[in-house]
Amino acid sequence: MRKYLPHILIISFVFIAIPITSATGGSITLRSSYKTLSLSEVHSMPNVSIRKKTKWGFGGHSTINHDYNLKAIKGDVVVVDNATGLMWHQNGSDDWMSWDEAKEWVEDLNSRGYAGYHDWRLPTLDEAVSLLESNKRNDLYIDPIFNKKQELIWTGNRAGSQSAWFVRFINGFVGWFYVYNYSSYVRPVRSVR
């Protein structure tokens, strides 16, 4: 038995190290609840490669290997990411809006039941940052499966009592704005698992 022990340990380690995927195929779980995030929390986000830290946020990209699928559901277009178990609104909002208007826009989307669902929300910062690509594609740091109009999107996370976090796809930057002074686009998300 002692001579087989190293083999058993190696085989056990291999099985423990293999990621277990969910029924939707996703193996990466991103934070889906809102909270006020400090700059140090943002600088230490998982699944992110940071190329430059600033006092407002950071420049960088996601390290997640996405598995996107474009789908039309009840005439509405969505992007399902099998790697994270998230469903994204493919087009996002047509207009810039304040943070409060963005939350209202998502409420209206839920009232209509976009793609048959009523649980759309602003993405958390972790979820929005997961969309950042390492290289520009179609002039933005986001996969071309998404509409390229939304060069900047709000998240549901606050940076303080009067500010919220955003992701800027035009230059791969993550930062915060005062919610009463700035506008941005919206790209709603929902969890599929």
C-alpha atoms as a PDB file:
ATOM      1  CA  MET A   1       0.000   0.000   0.000  1.00  0.00           C
ATOM      2  CA  ARG A   2       2.837   2.423   0.839  1.00  0.00           C
ATOM      3  CA  LYS A   3       4.300   2.125  -2.663  1.00  0.00           C
ATOM      4  CA  TYR A   4       0.936   3.273  -4.181  1.00  0.00           C
ATOM      5  CA  LEU A   5       0.462   6.212  -1.795  1.00  0.00           C
ATOM      6  CA  PRO A   6       2.325   8.784  -3.983  1.00  0.00           C
ATOM      7  CA  HIS A   7       0.181   7.778  -6.999  1.00  0.00           C
ATOM      8  CA  ILE A   8      -3.020   8.077  -4.976  1.00  0.00           C
ATOM      9  CA  LEU A   9      -1.981  11.515  -3.738  1.00  0.00           C
ATOM     10  CA  ILE A  10      -1.140  12.710  -7.253  1.00  0.00           C
ATOM     11  CA  ILE A  11      -4.424  11.416  -8.670  1.00  0.00           C
ATOM     12  CA  SER A  12      -6.340  12.994  -5.759  1.00  0.00           C
ATOM     13  CA  PHE A  13      -4.608  16.313  -6.346  1.00  0.00           C
ATOM     14  CA  VAL A  14      -5.455  16.268 -10.064  1.00  0.00           C
ATOM     15  CA  PHE A  15      -9.148  15.697  -9.333  1.00  0.00           C
ATOM     16  CA  ILE A  16      -9.206  18.417  -6.687  1.00  0.00           C
ATOM     17  CA  ALA A  17      -7.510  20.920  -9.026  1.00  0.00           C
ATOM     18  CA  ILE A  18      -9.970  20.405 -11.892  1.00  0.00           C
ATOM     19  CA  PRO A  19     -12.626  23.167 -11.789  1.00  0.00           C
ATOM     20  CA  ILE A  20     -16.162  21.929 -11.406  1.00  0.00           C
ATOM     21  CA  THR A  21     -18.574  23.582 -13.795  1.00  0.00           C
ATOM     22  CA  SER A  22     -22.242  24.286 -13.269  1.00  0.00           C
ATOM     23  CA  ALA A  23     -25.092  23.008 -15.416  1.00  0.00           C
ATOM     24  CA  THR A  24     -24.803  26.166 -17.542  1.00  0.00           C
ATOM     25  CA  GLY A  25     -21.115  25.448 -18.105  1.00  0.00           C
ATOM     26  CA  GLY A  26     -19.880  28.411 -16.059  1.00  0.00           C
ATOM     27  CA  SER A  27     -17.080  27.853 -13.601  1.00  0.00           C
ATOM     28  CA  ILE A  28     -16.312  31.447 -12.623  1.00  0.00           C
ATOM     29  CA  THR A  29     -18.565  33.100 -10.097  1.00  0.00           C
ATOM     30  CA  LEU A  30     -18.495  36.898  -9.953  1.00  0.00           C
ATOM     31  CA  ARG A  31     -19.900  38.973  -7.117  1.00  0.00           C
ATOM     32  CA  SER A  32     -23.511  39.799  -8.011  1.00  0.00           C
ATOM     33  CA  SER A  33     -24.540  41.912  -5.008  1.00  0.00           C
ATOM     34  CA  TYR A  34     -23.927  45.614  -4.638  1.00  0.00           C
ATOM     35  CA  LYS A  35     -21.802  47.230  -1.981  1.00  0.00           C
ATOM     36  CA  THR A  36     -19.748  50.365  -1.639  1.00  0.00           C
ATOM     37  CA  LEU A  37     -16.253  49.507  -2.862  1.00  0.00           C
ATOM     38  CA  SER A  38     -13.106  51.239  -1.692  1.00  0.00           C
ATOM     39  CA  LEU A  39     -10.238  51.952  -4.051  1.00  0.00           C
ATOM     40  CA  SER A  40      -8.104  49.243  -2.406  1.00  0.00           C
ATOM     41  CA  GLU A  41     -10.922  46.690  -2.904  1.00  0.00           C
ATOM     42  CA  VAL A  42     -11.122  47.661  -6.571  1.00  0.00           C
ATOM     43  CA  HIS A  43      -7.339  47.432  -6.960  1.00  0.00           C
ATOM     44  CA  SER A  44      -7.448  43.878  -5.578  1.00  0.00           C
ATOM     45  CA  MET A  45     -10.310  42.504  -7.687  1.00  0.00           C
ATOM     46  CA  PRO A  46      -9.928  38.875  -8.785  1.00  0.00           C
ATOM     47  CA  ASN A  47      -9.835  37.840 -12.474  1.00  0.00           C
ATOM     48  CA  VAL A  48      -8.237  41.145 -13.488  1.00  0.00           C
ATOM     49  CA  SER A  49      -4.859  42.132 -14.887  1.00  0.00           C
ATOM     50  CA  ILE A  50      -4.051  45.715 -13.883  1.00  0.00           C
ATOM     51  CA  ARG A  51      -1.580  47.617 -16.034  1.00  0.00           C
ATOM     52  CA  LYS A  52      -1.872  50.965 -14.216  1.00  0.00           C
ATOM     53  CA  LYS A  53      -3.350  51.930 -10.833  1.00  0.00           C
ATOM     54  CA  THR A  54      -4.649  55.462 -10.288  1.00  0.00           C
ATOM     55  CA  LYS A  55      -6.329  57.281  -7.409  1.00  0.00           C
ATOM     56  CA  TRP A  56      -9.572  57.062  -9.418  1.00  0.00           C
ATOM     57  CA  GLY A  57      -9.424  53.360 -10.361  1.00  0.00           C
ATOM     58  CA  PHE A  58      -7.220  51.400 -12.755  1.00  0.00           C
ATOM     59  CA  GLY A  59      -6.481  50.538 -16.351  1.00  0.00           C
ATOM     60  CA  GLY A  60      -6.534  46.858 -17.151  1.00  0.00           C
ATOM     61  CA  HIS A  61      -8.515  43.921 -18.459  1.00  0.00           C
ATOM     62  CA  SER A  62     -10.265  40.723 -17.470  1.00  0.00           C
ATOM     63  CA  THR A  63      -8.363  37.442 -17.363  1.00  0.00           C
ATOM     64  CA  ILE A  64     -11.525  35.356 -17.901  1.00  0.00           C
ATOM     65  CA  ASN A  65     -11.670  33.127 -20.960  1.00  0.00           C
ATOM     66  CA  HIS A  66     -15.236  33.872 -22.064  1.00  0.00           C
ATOM     67  CA  ASP A  67     -17.583  31.569 -23.967  1.00  0.00           C
ATOM     68  CA  TYR A  68     -20.121  33.973 -25.492  1.00  0.00           C
ATOM     69  CA  ASN A  69     -23.249  32.922 -27.370  1.00  0.00           C
ATOM     70  CA  LEU A  70     -25.527  35.398 -29.136  1.00  0.00           C
ATOM     71  CA  LYS A  71     -29.211  34.477 -28.795  1.00  0.00           C
ATOM     72  CA  ALA A  72     -32.533  35.957 -29.791  1.00  0.00           C
ATOM     73  CA  ILE A  73     -35.235  35.281 -27.192  1.00  0.00           C
ATOM     74  CA  LYS A  74     -38.765  36.493 -27.912  1.00  0.00           C
ATOM     75  CA  GLY A  75     -37.305  38.916 -30.455  1.00  0.00           C
ATOM     76  CA  ASP A  76     -34.804  40.413 -27.981  1.00  0.00           C
ATOM     77  CA  VAL A  77     -31.057  39.906 -28.409  1.00  0.00           C
ATOM     78  CA  VAL A  78     -28.902  38.732 -25.510  1.00  0.00           C
ATOM     79  CA  VAL A  79     -25.365  37.471 -25.021  1.00  0.00           C
ATOM     80  CA  VAL A  80     -24.962  34.452 -22.759  1.00  0.00           C
ATOM     81  CA  ASP A  81     -21.529  33.932 -21.238  1.00  0.00           C
ATOM     82  CA  ASN A  82     -21.172  30.253 -20.390  1.00  0.00           C
ATOM     83  CA  ALA A  83     -17.918  30.951 -18.509  1.00  0.00           C
ATOM     84  CA  THR A  84     -19.570  33.194 -15.908  1.00  0.00           C
ATOM     85  CA  GLY A  85     -23.220  32.127 -16.084  1.00  0.00           C
ATOM     86  CA  LEU A  86     -24.313  35.669 -16.980  1.00  0.00           C
ATOM     87  CA  MET A  87     -26.769  36.897 -19.610  1.00  0.00           C
ATOM     88  CA  TRP A  88     -26.090  40.394 -20.976  1.00  0.00           C
ATOM     89  CA  HIS A  89     -28.316  42.815 -22.877  1.00  0.00           C
ATOM     90  CA  GLN A  90     -26.512  42.806 -26.226  1.00  0.00           C
ATOM     91  CA  ASN A  91     -27.247  46.386 -27.254  1.00  0.00           C
ATOM     92  CA  GLY A  92     -27.487  48.272 -23.989  1.00  0.00           C
ATOM     93  CA  SER A  93     -29.059  51.716 -23.759  1.00  0.00           C
ATOM     94  CA  ASP A  94     -29.151  54.070 -26.733  1.00  0.00           C
ATOM     95  CA  ASP A  95     -28.583  57.170 -24.625  1.00  0.00           C
ATOM     96  CA  TRP A  96     -26.314  58.512 -21.911  1.00  0.00           C
ATOM     97  CA  MET A  97     -28.073  58.816 -18.565  1.00  0.00           C
ATOM     98  CA  SER A  98     -27.410  59.621 -14.937  1.00  0.00           C
ATOM     99  CA  TRP A  99     -26.982  56.785 -12.440  1.00  0.00           C
ATOM    100  CA  ASP A 100     -30.538  57.241 -11.116  1.00  0.00           C
ATOM    101  CA  GLU A 101     -31.914  57.304 -14.679  1.00  0.00           C
ATOM    102  CA  ALA A 102     -29.925  54.136 -15.419  1.00  0.00           C
ATOM    103  CA  LYS A 103     -31.625  52.336 -12.529  1.00  0.00           C
ATOM    104  CA  GLU A 104     -35.030  53.532 -13.804  1.00  0.00           C
ATOM    105  CA  TRP A 105     -34.166  52.366 -17.342  1.00  0.00           C
ATOM    106  CA  VAL A 106     -33.468  48.865 -15.993  1.00  0.00           C
ATOM    107  CA  GLU A 107     -36.745  48.933 -14.024  1.00  0.00           C
ATOM    108  CA  ASP A 108     -38.583  49.747 -17.274  1.00  0.00           C
ATOM    109  CA  LEU A 109     -36.753  46.906 -19.004  1.00  0.00           C
ATOM    110  CA  ASN A 110     -37.975  44.549 -16.273  1.00  0.00           C
ATOM    111  CA  SER A 111     -41.542  45.865 -16.567  1.00  0.00           C
ATOM    112  CA  ARG A 112     -41.504  44.955 -20.261  1.00  0.00           C
ATOM    113  CA  GLY A 113     -39.882  41.587 -19.559  1.00  0.00           C
ATOM    114  CA  TYR A 114     -36.925  41.920 -21.929  1.00  0.00           C
ATOM    115  CA  ALA A 115     -36.221  38.463 -23.453  1.00  0.00           C
ATOM    116  CA  GLY A 116     -38.955  37.142 -21.161  1.00  0.00           C
ATOM    117  CA  TYR A 117     -37.068  38.001 -17.940  1.00  0.00           C
ATOM    118  CA  HIS A 118     -37.875  40.444 -15.146  1.00  0.00           C
ATOM    119  CA  ASP A 119     -34.638  40.249 -13.139  1.00  0.00           C
ATOM    120  CA  TRP A 120     -32.293  42.508 -15.136  1.00  0.00           C
ATOM    121  CA  ARG A 121     -30.014  44.776 -13.102  1.00  0.00           C
ATOM    122  CA  LEU A 122     -27.031  47.059 -13.397  1.00  0.00           C
ATOM    123  CA  PRO A 123     -23.902  44.893 -13.348  1.00  0.00           C
ATOM    124  CA  THR A 124     -21.655  44.823 -10.317  1.00  0.00           C
ATOM    125  CA  LEU A 125     -18.210  46.234 -10.912  1.00  0.00           C
ATOM    126  CA  ASP A 126     -16.787  42.678 -10.968  1.00  0.00           C
ATOM    127  CA  GLU A 127     -19.269  41.699 -13.693  1.00  0.00           C
ATOM    128  CA  ALA A 128     -18.708  44.832 -15.803  1.00  0.00           C
ATOM    129  CA  VAL A 129     -14.917  44.564 -15.543  1.00  0.00           C
ATOM    130  CA  SER A 130     -15.173  40.947 -16.692  1.00  0.00           C
ATOM    131  CA  LEU A 131     -16.132  42.313 -20.136  1.00  0.00           C
ATOM    132  CA  LEU A 132     -12.861  44.253 -20.564  1.00  0.00           C
ATOM    133  CA  GLU A 133     -10.665  42.750 -23.286  1.00  0.00           C
ATOM    134  CA  SER A 134      -6.852  43.051 -23.308  1.00  0.00           C
ATOM    135  CA  ASN A 135      -6.844  44.453 -26.856  1.00  0.00           C
ATOM    136  CA  LYS A 136      -9.067  46.824 -28.777  1.00  0.00           C
ATOM    137  CA  ARG A 137     -11.608  45.113 -30.996  1.00  0.00           C
ATOM    138  CA  ASN A 138     -13.849  47.329 -33.152  1.00  0.00           C
ATOM    139  CA  ASP A 139     -12.313  50.409 -31.442  1.00  0.00           C
ATOM    140  CA  LEU A 140     -13.260  49.237 -27.920  1.00  0.00           C
ATOM    141  CA  TYR A 141     -11.834  46.918 -25.282  1.00  0.00           C
ATOM    142  CA  ILE A 142     -14.902  44.641 -25.447  1.00  0.00           C
ATOM    143  CA  ASP A 143     -15.793  41.627 -27.556  1.00  0.00           C
ATOM    144  CA  PRO A 144     -17.443  42.664 -30.865  1.00  0.00           C
ATOM    145  CA  ILE A 145     -20.421  40.438 -30.023  1.00  0.00           C
ATOM    146  CA  PHE A 146     -21.616  43.480 -28.016  1.00  0.00           C
ATOM    147  CA  ASN A 147     -22.900  46.723 -29.515  1.00  0.00           C
ATOM    148  CA  LYS A 148     -19.980  49.150 -29.693  1.00  0.00           C
ATOM    149  CA  LYS A 149     -22.060  52.248 -28.937  1.00  0.00           C
ATOM    150  CA  GLN A 150     -21.753  51.741 -25.167  1.00  0.00           C
ATOM    151  CA  GLU A 151     -18.193  52.932 -24.697  1.00  0.00           C
ATOM    152  CA  LEU A 152     -18.804  53.561 -20.994  1.00  0.00           C
ATOM    153  CA  ILE A 153     -21.265  51.831 -18.625  1.00  0.00           C
ATOM    154  CA  TRP A 154     -22.525  52.342 -15.095  1.00  0.00           C
ATOM    155  CA  THR A 155     -22.316  49.649 -12.461  1.00  0.00           C
ATOM    156  CA  GLY A 156     -24.562  49.220  -9.431  1.00  0.00           C
ATOM    157  CA  ASN A 157     -21.627  49.633  -7.029  1.00  0.00           C
ATOM    158  CA  ARG A 158     -21.062  52.845  -5.179  1.00  0.00           C
ATOM    159  CA  ALA A 159     -17.634  54.388  -4.616  1.00  0.00           C
ATOM    160  CA  GLY A 160     -18.975  56.654  -1.864  1.00  0.00           C
ATOM    161  CA  SER A 161     -22.205  58.317  -0.826  1.00  0.00           C
ATOM    162  CA  GLN A 162     -22.354  60.437  -3.996  1.00  0.00           C
ATOM    163  CA  SER A 163     -20.355  58.382  -6.502  1.00  0.00           C
ATOM    164  CA  ALA A 164     -20.599  55.096  -8.417  1.00  0.00           C
ATOM    165  CA  TRP A 165     -18.140  52.913 -10.323  1.00  0.00           C
ATOM    166  CA  PHE A 166     -18.079  52.710 -14.129  1.00  0.00           C
ATOM    167  CA  VAL A 167     -16.178  50.786 -16.812  1.00  0.00           C
ATOM    168  CA  ARG A 168     -14.885  52.636 -19.882  1.00  0.00           C
ATOM    169  CA  PHE A 169     -14.391  50.354 -22.877  1.00  0.00           C
ATOM    170  CA  ILE A 170     -12.869  53.043 -25.070  1.00  0.00           C
ATOM    171  CA  ASN A 171      -9.603  52.900 -23.098  1.00  0.00           C
ATOM    172  CA  GLY A 172      -9.950  49.924 -20.723  1.00  0.00           C
ATOM    173  CA  PHE A 173     -10.323  52.095 -17.620  1.00  0.00           C
ATOM    174  CA  VAL A 174     -12.278  51.472 -14.423  1.00  0.00           C
ATOM    175  CA  GLY A 175     -13.133  54.451 -12.239  1.00  0.00           C
ATOM    176  CA  TRP A 176     -15.848  56.371 -10.441  1.00  0.00           C
ATOM    177  CA  PHE A 177     -18.035  59.388 -11.205  1.00  0.00           C
ATOM    178  CA  TYR A 178     -20.187  61.593  -9.029  1.00  0.00           C
ATOM    179  CA  VAL A 179     -23.678  60.248  -9.738  1.00  0.00           C
ATOM    180  CA  TYR A 180     -25.235  63.721 -10.013  1.00  0.00           C
ATOM    181  CA  ASN A 181     -22.676  65.254 -12.394  1.00  0.00           C
ATOM    182  CA  TYR A 182     -22.030  62.553 -14.985  1.00  0.00           C
ATOM    183  CA  SER A 183     -23.858  60.363 -17.452  1.00  0.00           C
ATOM    184  CA  SER A 184     -23.069  57.000 -18.955  1.00  0.00           C
ATOM    185  CA  TYR A 185     -24.649  54.159 -20.929  1.00  0.00           C
ATOM    186  CA  VAL A 186     -26.273  51.082 -19.419  1.00  0.00           C
ATOM    187  CA  ARG A 187     -25.598  47.400 -20.205  1.00  0.00           C
ATOM    188  CA  PRO A 188     -27.939  45.328 -18.025  1.00  0.00           C
ATOM    189  CA  VAL A 189     -27.131  41.820 -16.873  1.00  0.00           C
ATOM    190  CA  ARG A 190     -28.868  38.906 -15.156  1.00  0.00           C
ATOM    191  CA  SER A 191     -27.633  35.667 -13.671  1.00  0.00           C
ATOM    192  CA  VAL A 192     -28.580  32.480 -15.499  1.00  0.00           C
ATOM    193  CA  ARG A 193     -27.601  30.107 -12.743  1.00  0.00           C
END
